[in-house]
Amino acid sequence: MELSGNVARWRSFMVRVAVIGLDGAPYEFISSIMDEGGLRNFRKLVRHGVAGVLRSTIPPVSPVAWASISTGLNPGKHGVFGFVDRAHRPYSSRNIMGLALWDLLALARKRSLCINVPFTYPPYRVRGAMVSGPPCPKDEPSTYPPGLEDELEELGYRIDVRLPYGGYRGVREAVFFKDCLSVTEARAEAVLRLAEELKWDFLFVVFTTLDRVQHVFFGRAIRESPFYDRRGREALIDYYRALDGILGKLLSELGDDTVFFFVSDHGFELLRRFVGLDNLISDFLARKEPKRLLYNLAVRAARRLRMTGIIKKALGKAGLPSSAHGEAGRSGIQPGLGSIYFDGPERELRELIGFLMAVRDEEGTRVFERFYLKDELYWGPELHKAPDLVLVPRAGYEIKSRLADRFEDVRPAKGVIYKTGTHMSLRALDGFLAIYGPGVREGHRVDACLYDIAPTVLHMLGLPVLKDMDGEVLIGAFEENSEPARRPVREARLRIGRPARRPRRAGGSMPVRF
């Protein structure tokens, strides 16, 4: 392992950095609660630090965004484009290319404590400790070094809330909310316990439960929403109050020498309607096959008459082919979560874009707002792994793989949870950023993008920024005469590939050589 430049001349500063991830926190909604006099600790961050919008990736989904935050790289370099790859294999810590912040800090002999950062399973050897984040098998944490699981179990620590296989439905509201609070409080207790017991220069924890709470209550908390109700708004604000109290504890107990970065991976928005992407692709393919088109139209009419089974059986006997799930994949069109892998001539891809661009729902509203080819969004050596087309729906729509029909409205259910929040449109790009601590300006607005977090953390710790990082150091966040503001930003080129992210093993530590 080598770093260009003279490592011995790197300066080390008596400051620690804590990145506190707030999954799905939207700047605008938090600001509205603060304007009403709530969230004392959030207001402290804004008044005595810098704050603003943290712009997410496209698509604004957690795996893509958290990998960008931790590496400072765009997806074309870190290689994560969704929850699963083209072959429907789930991404894990082994798939993230490049070096995450904790990998880089190990090279500088600094210790990191990583807790619940998404896609850190399986955990691997780091200089410090790692508690894997979601997704994890059986929702149970895995750690490096081994043995931390026992201590976490004593705290009642869990990776995620309990949801049925079908997702956000069927659970009593009170049970769901209590579970969310329990998971959040246990996470906070684990952070404070491990931060006290272990030596660290850099801490990175993500509170993912905020995302789960907002998927249920966000649409009920927005006054202009058709699902607005006072009880739903109070539930979401109550959760934010609990989170605000936890932030206060972190600020007071992690030390005066700590610079805090509060970041979210994306914002949030009201959810009104689901869109079946595979259904739409079936319709596109059916244009070239009249029998399949007739089948699709007949089944759609049958659903409205609640005679789907009878009609399907009759159509089958008549020899009309179905548009079964998976047909798109067999045609060279593989739909993902808001993206499409396309194996065919560019002319046909353009035809597909034109078809999807014209799609309107039953109310006559265009469903999609933007379409991006992969090289319009990403760049780097992993670009060949990216989806060929990324779709951005209009605000209020969520793309699903396949539905009973092309569109499905959100259906309220009394007393049990149902999904009213999502993060897929351009509106959901606006996340939350606050930086607070020694050397940070007070009461200043700073807007940034996810790629800026990693280089700013490195600069704050007195380390150079890698030349291939896609963000920039947020110099405007520092006090004018502070040391980080006066010190020139240094750059380095790292002559090493991605680390060998081997599964955890007892004993030893990550070897560090310059």
Protein backbone atom coordinates (compact mmCIF):
# COMPACT_ATOMS: atom_id res chain seq x y z
CA MET A 1 0.00 0.00 0.00
CA GLU A 2 1.38 3.39 -0.93
CA LEU A 3 0.19 6.95 -0.83
CA SER A 4 1.78 9.51 -3.10
CA GLY A 5 3.22 12.43 -1.19
CA ASN A 6 5.00 12.56 2.13
CA VAL A 7 2.74 10.92 4.70
CA ALA A 8 5.00 12.04 7.54
CA ARG A 9 4.05 15.65 6.80
CA TRP A 10 0.33 15.04 7.29
CA ARG A 11 -0.88 16.98 10.25
CA SER A 12 -3.00 15.35 12.93
CA PHE A 13 -5.45 17.48 14.90
CA MET A 14 -7.01 17.06 18.31
CA VAL A 15 -10.53 16.68 16.99
CA ARG A 16 -12.87 13.77 16.48
CA VAL A 17 -15.66 13.52 13.93
CA ALA A 18 -19.08 11.89 14.40
CA VAL A 19 -21.36 11.36 11.40
CA ILE A 20 -24.94 10.81 12.59
CA GLY A 21 -27.12 9.42 9.82
CA LEU A 22 -30.83 10.25 9.92
CA ASP A 23 -32.31 8.02 7.25
CA GLY A 24 -34.80 9.93 5.11
CA ALA A 25 -34.76 13.19 7.10
CA PRO A 26 -36.15 15.99 4.88
CA TYR A 27 -34.85 19.52 5.52
CA GLU A 28 -38.14 21.22 4.67
CA PHE A 29 -40.29 19.15 7.04
CA ILE A 30 -37.82 19.47 9.94
CA SER A 31 -37.70 23.23 9.34
CA SER A 32 -41.50 23.40 9.53
CA ILE A 33 -41.52 21.71 12.94
CA MET A 34 -38.75 24.03 14.17
CA ASP A 35 -40.73 27.05 12.94
CA GLU A 36 -43.55 25.94 15.23
CA GLY A 37 -41.14 25.99 18.19
CA GLY A 38 -40.36 22.27 18.36
CA LEU A 39 -37.17 20.20 18.26
CA ARG A 40 -34.92 22.14 20.62
CA ASN A 41 -31.73 20.27 19.69
CA PHE A 42 -32.33 20.46 15.96
CA ARG A 43 -32.77 24.24 16.42
CA LYS A 44 -29.47 24.30 18.32
CA LEU A 45 -27.73 22.70 15.34
CA VAL A 46 -29.19 25.25 12.93
CA ARG A 47 -28.56 28.32 15.11
CA HIS A 48 -25.07 27.42 16.34
CA GLY A 49 -23.81 25.45 13.37
CA VAL A 50 -24.34 25.31 9.63
CA ALA A 51 -27.36 23.63 8.06
CA GLY A 52 -29.05 23.21 4.72
CA VAL A 53 -30.23 20.80 2.07
CA LEU A 54 -28.12 17.73 1.36
CA ARG A 55 -28.88 16.72 -2.21
CA SER A 56 -29.22 12.97 -2.80
CA THR A 57 -28.36 10.67 -5.66
CA ILE A 58 -30.66 9.70 -8.51
CA PRO A 59 -32.45 7.50 -7.67
CA PRO A 60 -32.72 8.76 -4.05
CA VAL A 61 -32.60 5.33 -2.43
CA SER A 62 -30.56 4.20 0.58
CA PRO A 63 -28.02 1.72 -0.89
CA VAL A 64 -26.91 4.16 -3.58
CA ALA A 65 -26.91 7.18 -1.27
CA TRP A 66 -25.15 5.73 1.81
CA ALA A 67 -22.40 4.24 -0.36
CA SER A 68 -21.89 7.71 -1.87
CA ILE A 69 -21.76 9.36 1.56
CA SER A 70 -19.22 6.91 2.96
CA THR A 71 -16.90 6.92 -0.08
CA GLY A 72 -17.33 10.37 -1.64
CA LEU A 73 -17.78 8.59 -4.97
CA ASN A 74 -20.60 8.56 -7.49
CA PRO A 75 -22.23 5.17 -8.23
CA GLY A 76 -20.17 4.83 -11.42
CA LYS A 77 -17.15 4.45 -9.14
CA HIS A 78 -18.50 2.68 -6.04
CA GLY A 79 -20.62 0.29 -8.11
CA VAL A 80 -23.88 0.22 -6.12
CA PHE A 81 -27.00 1.11 -8.14
CA GLY A 82 -29.88 -0.22 -6.03
CA PHE A 83 -30.78 -2.98 -3.61
CA VAL A 84 -29.89 -5.76 -6.07
CA ASP A 85 -27.74 -6.04 -9.16
CA ARG A 86 -28.76 -7.02 -12.68
CA ALA A 87 -28.91 -10.70 -11.70
CA HIS A 88 -31.11 -9.86 -8.69
CA ARG A 89 -28.28 -10.60 -6.27
CA PRO A 90 -28.44 -8.35 -3.19
CA TYR A 91 -25.62 -5.88 -2.69
CA SER A 92 -23.44 -6.25 0.42
CA SER A 93 -20.25 -4.80 1.87
CA ARG A 94 -18.29 -6.95 -0.60
CA ASN A 95 -19.77 -5.10 -3.59
CA ILE A 96 -18.78 -1.54 -2.66
CA MET A 97 -15.75 -0.55 -4.73
CA GLY A 98 -13.22 2.03 -3.59
CA LEU A 99 -12.50 2.87 0.05
CA ALA A 100 -15.01 3.97 2.66
CA LEU A 101 -14.05 6.60 5.23
CA TRP A 102 -13.20 3.99 7.86
CA ASP A 103 -10.89 2.21 5.39
CA LEU A 104 -9.06 5.44 4.61
CA LEU A 105 -8.74 6.40 8.27
CA ALA A 106 -7.21 3.01 9.04
CA LEU A 107 -4.42 3.84 6.58
CA ALA A 108 -3.75 6.98 8.65
CA ARG A 109 -3.78 4.89 11.86
CA LYS A 110 -7.04 6.39 13.07
CA ARG A 111 -9.72 4.30 14.72
CA SER A 112 -13.35 4.14 13.58
CA LEU A 113 -16.59 3.01 15.18
CA CYS A 114 -19.26 2.10 12.59
CA ILE A 115 -22.75 1.24 13.80
CA ASN A 116 -25.71 0.30 11.60
CA VAL A 117 -24.38 1.84 8.39
CA PRO A 118 -26.48 0.22 5.64
CA PHE A 119 -24.74 -2.41 3.52
CA THR A 120 -21.89 -3.09 5.94
CA TYR A 121 -22.90 -6.76 6.17
CA PRO A 122 -20.90 -8.89 6.34
CA PRO A 123 -18.70 -6.86 8.69
CA TYR A 124 -15.00 -7.03 7.99
CA ARG A 125 -11.76 -6.19 9.76
CA VAL A 126 -11.41 -2.48 10.46
CA ARG A 127 -9.15 -0.46 12.71
CA GLY A 128 -11.77 -0.12 15.43
CA ALA A 129 -15.18 -1.78 15.47
CA MET A 130 -18.09 -2.38 13.10
CA VAL A 131 -21.70 -3.31 13.88
CA SER A 132 -23.30 -4.33 10.60
CA GLY A 133 -26.27 -2.41 9.27
CA PRO A 134 -29.25 -3.54 7.22
CA PRO A 135 -29.89 -5.73 5.38
CA CYS A 136 -28.69 -8.60 7.59
CA PRO A 137 -29.75 -12.25 7.76
CA LYS A 138 -32.48 -12.72 10.37
CA ASP A 139 -32.18 -9.01 11.20
CA GLU A 140 -29.49 -9.83 13.76
CA PRO A 141 -26.31 -7.72 14.02
CA SER A 142 -22.93 -9.14 13.15
CA THR A 143 -19.81 -7.41 14.45
CA TYR A 144 -16.10 -6.97 14.13
CA PRO A 145 -14.42 -7.81 16.37
CA PRO A 146 -16.59 -10.84 17.18
CA GLY A 147 -18.13 -10.86 20.63
CA LEU A 148 -19.75 -7.42 20.57
CA GLU A 149 -23.05 -9.15 19.71
CA ASP A 150 -23.39 -10.35 23.31
CA GLU A 151 -23.13 -6.82 24.65
CA LEU A 152 -25.63 -5.57 22.11
CA GLU A 153 -28.06 -8.33 23.01
CA GLU A 154 -27.98 -7.16 26.64
CA LEU A 155 -29.21 -3.75 25.41
CA GLY A 156 -32.08 -5.27 23.42
CA TYR A 157 -30.38 -4.12 20.22
CA ARG A 158 -32.04 -4.98 16.90
CA ILE A 159 -31.24 -4.06 13.32
CA ASP A 160 -34.74 -3.09 12.26
CA VAL A 161 -38.41 -2.92 13.19
CA ARG A 162 -40.67 -5.94 12.81
CA LEU A 163 -42.76 -5.88 9.65
CA PRO A 164 -44.76 -8.63 7.96
CA TYR A 165 -43.53 -10.08 4.69
CA GLY A 166 -45.93 -7.87 2.73
CA GLY A 167 -44.35 -4.69 4.04
CA TYR A 168 -46.12 -1.74 5.62
CA ARG A 169 -49.51 -3.25 6.30
CA GLY A 170 -51.44 -5.26 8.83
CA VAL A 171 -49.62 -4.13 12.01
CA ARG A 172 -51.48 -2.15 14.66
CA GLU A 173 -50.33 1.47 14.72
CA ALA A 174 -49.58 1.47 18.43
CA VAL A 175 -47.51 -1.73 18.16
CA PHE A 176 -45.54 -0.40 15.20
CA PHE A 177 -44.82 2.96 16.85
CA LYS A 178 -43.72 1.36 20.11
CA ASP A 179 -41.40 -0.98 18.20
CA CYS A 180 -39.87 1.95 16.30
CA LEU A 181 -39.13 3.79 19.54
CA SER A 182 -37.64 0.66 21.09
CA VAL A 183 -35.25 0.05 18.18
CA THR A 184 -34.22 3.73 18.10
CA GLU A 185 -33.57 3.98 21.84
CA ALA A 186 -31.56 0.74 21.89
CA ARG A 187 -29.45 2.02 18.98
CA ALA A 188 -28.72 5.26 20.84
CA GLU A 189 -27.79 3.36 24.00
CA ALA A 190 -25.45 1.11 22.00
CA VAL A 191 -23.74 4.13 20.43
CA LEU A 192 -23.13 5.78 23.79
CA ARG A 193 -21.97 2.53 25.41
CA LEU A 194 -19.51 1.59 22.65
CA ALA A 195 -18.27 5.16 22.22
CA GLU A 196 -17.37 5.20 25.91
CA GLU A 197 -15.74 1.75 25.95
CA LEU A 198 -13.76 1.92 22.70
CA LYS A 199 -11.18 4.36 21.42
CA TRP A 200 -12.26 6.19 18.30
CA ASP A 201 -11.35 9.14 16.09
CA PHE A 202 -14.32 8.72 13.77
CA LEU A 203 -17.84 7.52 14.55
CA PHE A 204 -20.50 6.75 11.95
CA VAL A 205 -23.98 5.63 13.02
CA VAL A 206 -27.22 5.57 11.03
CA PHE A 207 -30.68 5.76 12.61
CA THR A 208 -32.62 3.90 9.91
CA THR A 209 -35.91 3.70 11.83
CA LEU A 210 -36.83 7.29 10.90
CA ASP A 211 -37.26 6.06 7.33
CA ARG A 212 -39.67 3.33 8.48
CA VAL A 213 -41.74 5.75 10.55
CA GLN A 214 -42.04 8.20 7.66
CA HIS A 215 -43.09 5.51 5.19
CA VAL A 216 -46.17 5.08 7.40
CA PHE A 217 -46.92 8.54 8.75
CA PHE A 218 -45.43 11.10 6.35
CA GLY A 219 -48.47 11.39 4.09
CA ARG A 220 -50.71 11.68 7.14
CA ALA A 221 -48.55 14.45 8.62
CA ILE A 222 -48.61 16.80 5.61
CA ARG A 223 -51.57 19.15 5.84
CA GLU A 224 -52.07 19.35 2.06
CA SER A 225 -52.16 15.55 1.79
CA PRO A 226 -55.44 13.71 1.06
CA PHE A 227 -54.49 11.34 3.90
CA TYR A 228 -53.83 14.07 6.46
CA ASP A 229 -55.12 13.41 9.94
CA ARG A 230 -54.16 14.96 13.25
CA ARG A 231 -53.29 11.63 14.86
CA GLY A 232 -50.87 10.72 12.08
CA ARG A 233 -49.15 14.10 12.28
CA GLU A 234 -48.82 13.86 16.05
CA ALA A 235 -47.31 10.38 15.76
CA LEU A 236 -44.60 11.53 13.35
CA ILE A 237 -43.82 14.65 15.39
CA ASP A 238 -43.69 12.54 18.57
CA TYR A 239 -41.06 10.35 16.93
CA TYR A 240 -39.07 13.43 15.89
CA ARG A 241 -39.25 14.65 19.49
CA ALA A 242 -37.79 11.36 20.70
CA LEU A 243 -35.07 11.61 18.07
CA ASP A 244 -34.40 15.20 19.09
CA GLY A 245 -33.82 14.04 22.67
CA ILE A 246 -31.34 11.42 21.45
CA LEU A 247 -29.46 14.04 19.44
CA GLY A 248 -29.18 16.10 22.61
CA LYS A 249 -27.62 13.17 24.45
CA LEU A 250 -25.14 12.55 21.64
CA LEU A 251 -24.14 16.22 21.60
CA SER A 252 -23.57 16.32 25.34
CA GLU A 253 -21.90 12.94 25.86
CA LEU A 254 -19.62 12.48 22.86
CA GLY A 255 -17.33 15.31 23.91
CA ASP A 256 -16.64 18.99 23.24
CA ASP A 257 -13.78 18.04 20.92
CA THR A 258 -16.15 16.36 18.44
CA VAL A 259 -17.35 17.87 15.18
CA PHE A 260 -20.79 16.47 14.30
CA PHE A 261 -22.16 15.88 10.81
CA PHE A 262 -25.91 15.17 10.81
CA VAL A 263 -26.79 13.81 7.37
CA SER A 264 -29.67 12.09 5.61
CA ASP A 265 -29.48 9.95 2.52
CA HIS A 266 -32.59 11.44 0.92
CA GLY A 267 -35.73 13.41 1.71
CA PHE A 268 -39.34 12.28 1.78
CA GLU A 269 -42.64 12.94 0.03
CA LEU A 270 -46.31 12.06 0.04
CA LEU A 271 -47.26 8.74 -1.58
CA ARG A 272 -50.55 8.60 -3.49
CA ARG A 273 -50.19 5.86 -6.08
CA PHE A 274 -48.09 2.81 -6.97
CA VAL A 275 -46.93 2.13 -10.54
CA GLY A 276 -46.25 -1.39 -11.83
CA LEU A 277 -43.18 -1.04 -14.06
CA ASP A 278 -43.30 -4.65 -15.24
CA ASN A 279 -46.97 -4.14 -16.15
CA LEU A 280 -46.07 -1.13 -18.30
CA ILE A 281 -43.26 -3.02 -20.02
CA SER A 282 -45.70 -5.85 -20.78
CA ASP A 283 -47.97 -3.31 -22.46
CA PHE A 284 -45.01 -1.99 -24.46
CA LEU A 285 -44.14 -5.50 -25.66
CA ALA A 286 -47.79 -6.27 -26.38
CA ARG A 287 -47.96 -3.53 -29.02
CA LYS A 288 -46.03 -5.87 -31.31
CA GLU A 289 -48.18 -8.88 -30.49
CA PRO A 290 -51.94 -8.24 -30.92
CA LYS A 291 -52.93 -11.40 -29.03
CA ARG A 292 -50.98 -10.36 -25.95
CA LEU A 293 -52.41 -6.85 -26.16
CA LEU A 294 -55.94 -8.30 -26.29
CA TYR A 295 -55.14 -10.46 -23.26
CA ASN A 296 -53.88 -7.45 -21.27
CA LEU A 297 -56.95 -5.36 -22.10
CA ALA A 298 -59.34 -8.21 -21.27
CA VAL A 299 -57.73 -8.94 -17.89
CA ARG A 300 -57.72 -5.23 -17.03
CA ALA A 301 -61.46 -5.07 -17.71
CA ALA A 302 -61.98 -8.28 -15.73
CA ARG A 303 -60.32 -6.78 -12.65
CA ARG A 304 -62.76 -3.91 -12.70
CA LEU A 305 -65.58 -6.46 -12.81
CA ARG A 306 -63.89 -8.64 -10.16
CA MET A 307 -63.91 -11.61 -12.56
CA THR A 308 -60.15 -11.98 -13.07
CA GLY A 309 -59.91 -15.74 -12.45
CA ILE A 310 -62.83 -16.63 -14.73
CA ILE A 311 -61.62 -14.39 -17.57
CA LYS A 312 -58.00 -15.62 -17.35
CA LYS A 313 -59.17 -19.23 -17.61
CA ALA A 314 -61.35 -18.42 -20.62
CA LEU A 315 -58.56 -16.52 -22.36
CA GLY A 316 -56.19 -19.41 -21.77
CA LYS A 317 -58.60 -21.84 -23.37
CA ALA A 318 -58.89 -19.45 -26.33
CA GLY A 319 -55.12 -19.63 -26.82
CA LEU A 320 -54.36 -16.02 -25.87
CA PRO A 321 -50.92 -15.67 -24.23
CA SER A 322 -50.60 -14.14 -20.79
CA SER A 323 -48.27 -11.33 -19.77
CA ALA A 324 -46.87 -13.30 -16.86
CA HIS A 325 -44.25 -11.87 -14.52
CA GLY A 326 -40.78 -12.34 -15.94
CA GLU A 327 -41.83 -11.85 -19.57
CA ALA A 328 -39.99 -8.52 -19.64
CA GLY A 329 -36.78 -10.15 -18.48
CA ARG A 330 -36.99 -12.80 -21.16
CA SER A 331 -37.35 -10.08 -23.80
CA GLY A 332 -34.05 -8.42 -22.84
CA ILE A 333 -35.76 -5.76 -20.71
CA GLN A 334 -35.07 -6.26 -17.00
CA PRO A 335 -36.98 -3.83 -14.75
CA GLY A 336 -35.55 -2.84 -11.37
CA LEU A 337 -36.60 -0.43 -8.64
CA GLY A 338 -37.01 2.69 -10.77
CA SER A 339 -34.53 1.48 -13.38
CA ILE A 340 -34.29 -0.77 -16.42
CA TYR A 341 -31.49 -2.99 -17.67
CA PHE A 342 -31.82 -3.14 -21.45
CA ASP A 343 -30.18 -5.68 -23.73
CA GLY A 344 -31.05 -4.59 -27.24
CA PRO A 345 -30.49 -1.98 -29.95
CA GLU A 346 -30.56 1.70 -28.98
CA ARG A 347 -33.50 2.28 -31.34
CA GLU A 348 -35.70 -0.02 -29.25
CA LEU A 349 -34.57 1.64 -26.03
CA ARG A 350 -35.62 4.99 -27.49
CA GLU A 351 -38.99 3.45 -28.40
CA LEU A 352 -39.41 2.25 -24.82
CA ILE A 353 -38.58 5.71 -23.46
CA GLY A 354 -41.14 7.26 -25.80
CA PHE A 355 -43.76 4.75 -24.69
CA LEU A 356 -43.13 5.32 -20.97
CA MET A 357 -43.02 9.08 -21.46
CA ALA A 358 -46.58 8.96 -22.79
CA VAL A 359 -47.97 6.80 -19.96
CA ARG A 360 -50.81 8.45 -18.05
CA ASP A 361 -52.84 7.14 -15.14
CA GLU A 362 -56.64 6.95 -14.90
CA GLU A 363 -56.79 10.67 -14.05
CA GLY A 364 -54.85 11.58 -17.17
CA THR A 365 -51.68 12.55 -15.27
CA ARG A 366 -48.31 11.76 -16.78
CA VAL A 367 -46.62 9.24 -14.49
CA PHE A 368 -42.94 9.86 -15.21
CA GLU A 369 -41.13 13.17 -14.89
CA ARG A 370 -37.64 12.40 -16.15
CA PHE A 371 -35.62 9.67 -17.86
CA TYR A 372 -31.85 9.35 -17.63
CA LEU A 373 -29.44 7.19 -19.59
CA LYS A 374 -26.75 5.81 -17.30
CA ASP A 375 -23.94 8.00 -18.66
CA GLU A 376 -26.04 11.10 -17.96
CA LEU A 377 -25.93 10.33 -14.23
CA TYR A 378 -22.81 8.30 -13.51
CA TRP A 379 -19.17 8.11 -14.54
CA GLY A 380 -16.32 5.81 -13.62
CA PRO A 381 -14.99 2.27 -14.02
CA GLU A 382 -18.19 0.63 -12.72
CA LEU A 383 -20.47 2.37 -15.23
CA HIS A 384 -20.88 -0.84 -17.22
CA LYS A 385 -22.75 -2.37 -14.26
CA ALA A 386 -25.31 0.45 -14.10
CA PRO A 387 -28.91 0.18 -15.31
CA ASP A 388 -29.26 1.46 -18.86
CA LEU A 389 -32.23 3.66 -17.97
CA VAL A 390 -33.22 5.39 -14.72
CA LEU A 391 -36.84 6.51 -14.36
CA VAL A 392 -37.97 9.35 -12.11
CA PRO A 393 -41.72 9.34 -11.37
CA ARG A 394 -43.75 12.41 -10.62
CA ALA A 395 -44.12 13.42 -6.98
CA GLY A 396 -46.55 11.14 -5.17
CA TYR A 397 -45.83 8.01 -7.23
CA GLU A 398 -43.79 4.95 -6.22
CA ILE A 399 -42.48 2.45 -8.74
CA LYS A 400 -43.05 -1.22 -7.90
CA SER A 401 -41.99 -4.24 -9.92
CA ARG A 402 -45.41 -5.73 -10.67
CA LEU A 403 -48.94 -5.04 -9.47
CA ALA A 404 -52.34 -6.64 -10.06
CA ASP A 405 -52.95 -3.74 -12.46
CA ARG A 406 -50.74 -1.00 -13.84
CA PHE A 407 -51.68 1.41 -11.04
CA GLU A 408 -52.76 0.94 -7.46
CA ASP A 409 -53.91 3.72 -5.15
CA VAL A 410 -52.90 3.96 -1.50
CA ARG A 411 -55.80 2.57 0.52
CA PRO A 412 -56.22 3.94 4.06
CA ALA A 413 -56.90 1.42 6.81
CA LYS A 414 -58.16 2.40 10.23
CA GLY A 415 -56.02 1.44 13.21
CA VAL A 416 -53.34 -0.41 11.25
CA ILE A 417 -50.34 0.91 9.37
CA TYR A 418 -50.35 1.58 5.64
CA LYS A 419 -47.81 3.28 3.44
CA THR A 420 -48.26 7.03 2.82
CA GLY A 421 -44.67 8.18 2.33
CA THR A 422 -42.04 7.49 -0.31
CA HIS A 423 -38.83 8.90 -1.83
CA MET A 424 -38.60 8.45 -5.59
CA SER A 425 -39.28 11.78 -7.30
CA LEU A 426 -36.99 14.79 -7.69
CA ARG A 427 -38.68 16.27 -4.62
CA ALA A 428 -37.16 13.49 -2.51
CA LEU A 429 -33.62 14.58 -3.43
CA ASP A 430 -33.64 17.21 -0.69
CA GLY A 431 -32.25 15.65 2.46
CA PHE A 432 -30.90 17.21 5.66
CA LEU A 433 -27.44 18.48 6.59
CA ALA A 434 -26.15 20.09 9.78
CA ILE A 435 -22.54 20.49 10.93
CA TYR A 436 -21.86 21.49 14.52
CA GLY A 437 -18.78 21.75 16.72
CA PRO A 438 -15.45 23.51 17.22
CA GLY A 439 -14.35 25.57 14.24
CA VAL A 440 -17.81 25.46 12.57
CA ARG A 441 -19.59 28.69 11.62
CA GLU A 442 -22.74 29.66 13.51
CA GLY A 443 -26.13 30.22 11.95
CA HIS A 444 -24.90 29.81 8.38
CA ARG A 445 -26.74 28.15 5.48
CA VAL A 446 -24.75 25.58 3.51
CA ASP A 447 -26.29 23.39 0.82
CA ALA A 448 -24.28 20.42 -0.39
CA CYS A 449 -24.45 17.05 -2.12
CA LEU A 450 -23.77 13.60 -0.69
CA TYR A 451 -20.34 13.38 -2.34
CA ASP A 452 -19.14 16.36 -0.24
CA ILE A 453 -19.37 14.61 3.13
CA ALA A 454 -16.37 12.27 2.83
CA PRO A 455 -13.86 14.90 1.62
CA THR A 456 -15.03 17.36 4.29
CA VAL A 457 -14.61 14.73 7.03
CA LEU A 458 -11.10 13.90 5.81
CA HIS A 459 -10.11 17.58 5.72
CA MET A 460 -11.54 18.12 9.20
CA LEU A 461 -9.34 15.28 10.50
CA GLY A 462 -6.24 16.80 8.90
CA LEU A 463 -6.02 14.28 6.09
CA PRO A 464 -5.80 14.78 2.33
CA VAL A 465 -8.73 14.25 0.00
CA LEU A 466 -8.44 11.54 -2.63
CA LYS A 467 -8.23 12.94 -6.14
CA ASP A 468 -10.88 10.59 -7.51
CA MET A 469 -13.53 11.70 -4.97
CA ASP A 470 -16.43 13.45 -6.66
CA GLY A 471 -17.28 15.92 -3.90
CA GLU A 472 -15.50 18.94 -2.51
CA VAL A 473 -14.53 20.16 0.93
CA LEU A 474 -17.23 22.44 2.39
CA ILE A 475 -14.81 25.20 3.35
CA GLY A 476 -17.74 27.58 3.79
CA ALA A 477 -18.86 25.53 6.81
CA PHE A 478 -15.81 26.55 8.87
CA GLU A 479 -15.23 29.76 10.82
CA GLU A 480 -13.25 32.21 8.75
CA ASN A 481 -10.09 32.16 10.86
CA SER A 482 -10.35 28.58 12.04
CA GLU A 483 -7.56 26.15 11.28
CA PRO A 484 -9.61 24.03 8.81
CA ALA A 485 -10.57 27.18 6.88
CA ARG A 486 -6.98 28.48 6.69
CA ARG A 487 -5.37 25.17 5.84
CA PRO A 488 -5.18 24.41 2.11
CA VAL A 489 -7.06 21.35 0.93
CA ARG A 490 -4.52 18.64 0.20
CA GLU A 491 -5.06 15.95 -2.39
CA ALA A 492 -3.57 12.49 -2.64
CA ARG A 493 -3.72 9.68 -5.12
CA LEU A 494 -4.12 6.29 -3.49
CA ARG A 495 -2.25 3.50 -5.22
CA ILE A 496 -4.49 0.72 -4.00
CA GLY A 497 -7.67 -0.94 -5.18
CA ARG A 498 -10.63 -1.70 -3.00
CA PRO A 499 -9.79 -3.33 0.33
CA ALA A 500 -10.09 -7.08 0.76
CA ARG A 501 -13.40 -7.06 2.62
CA ARG A 502 -13.04 -10.46 4.19
CA PRO A 503 -15.56 -11.64 6.74
CA ARG A 504 -14.70 -10.88 10.36
CA ARG A 505 -12.19 -13.08 12.15
CA ALA A 506 -11.19 -13.19 15.75
CA GLY A 507 -7.91 -11.57 16.66
CA GLY A 508 -5.64 -9.19 14.79
CA SER A 509 -6.41 -5.87 13.19
CA MET A 510 -6.41 -4.43 9.71
CA PRO A 511 -2.80 -4.28 8.50
CA VAL A 512 -1.67 -0.72 7.82
CA ARG A 513 1.40 0.12 5.72
CA PHE A 514 2.31 3.26 3.86
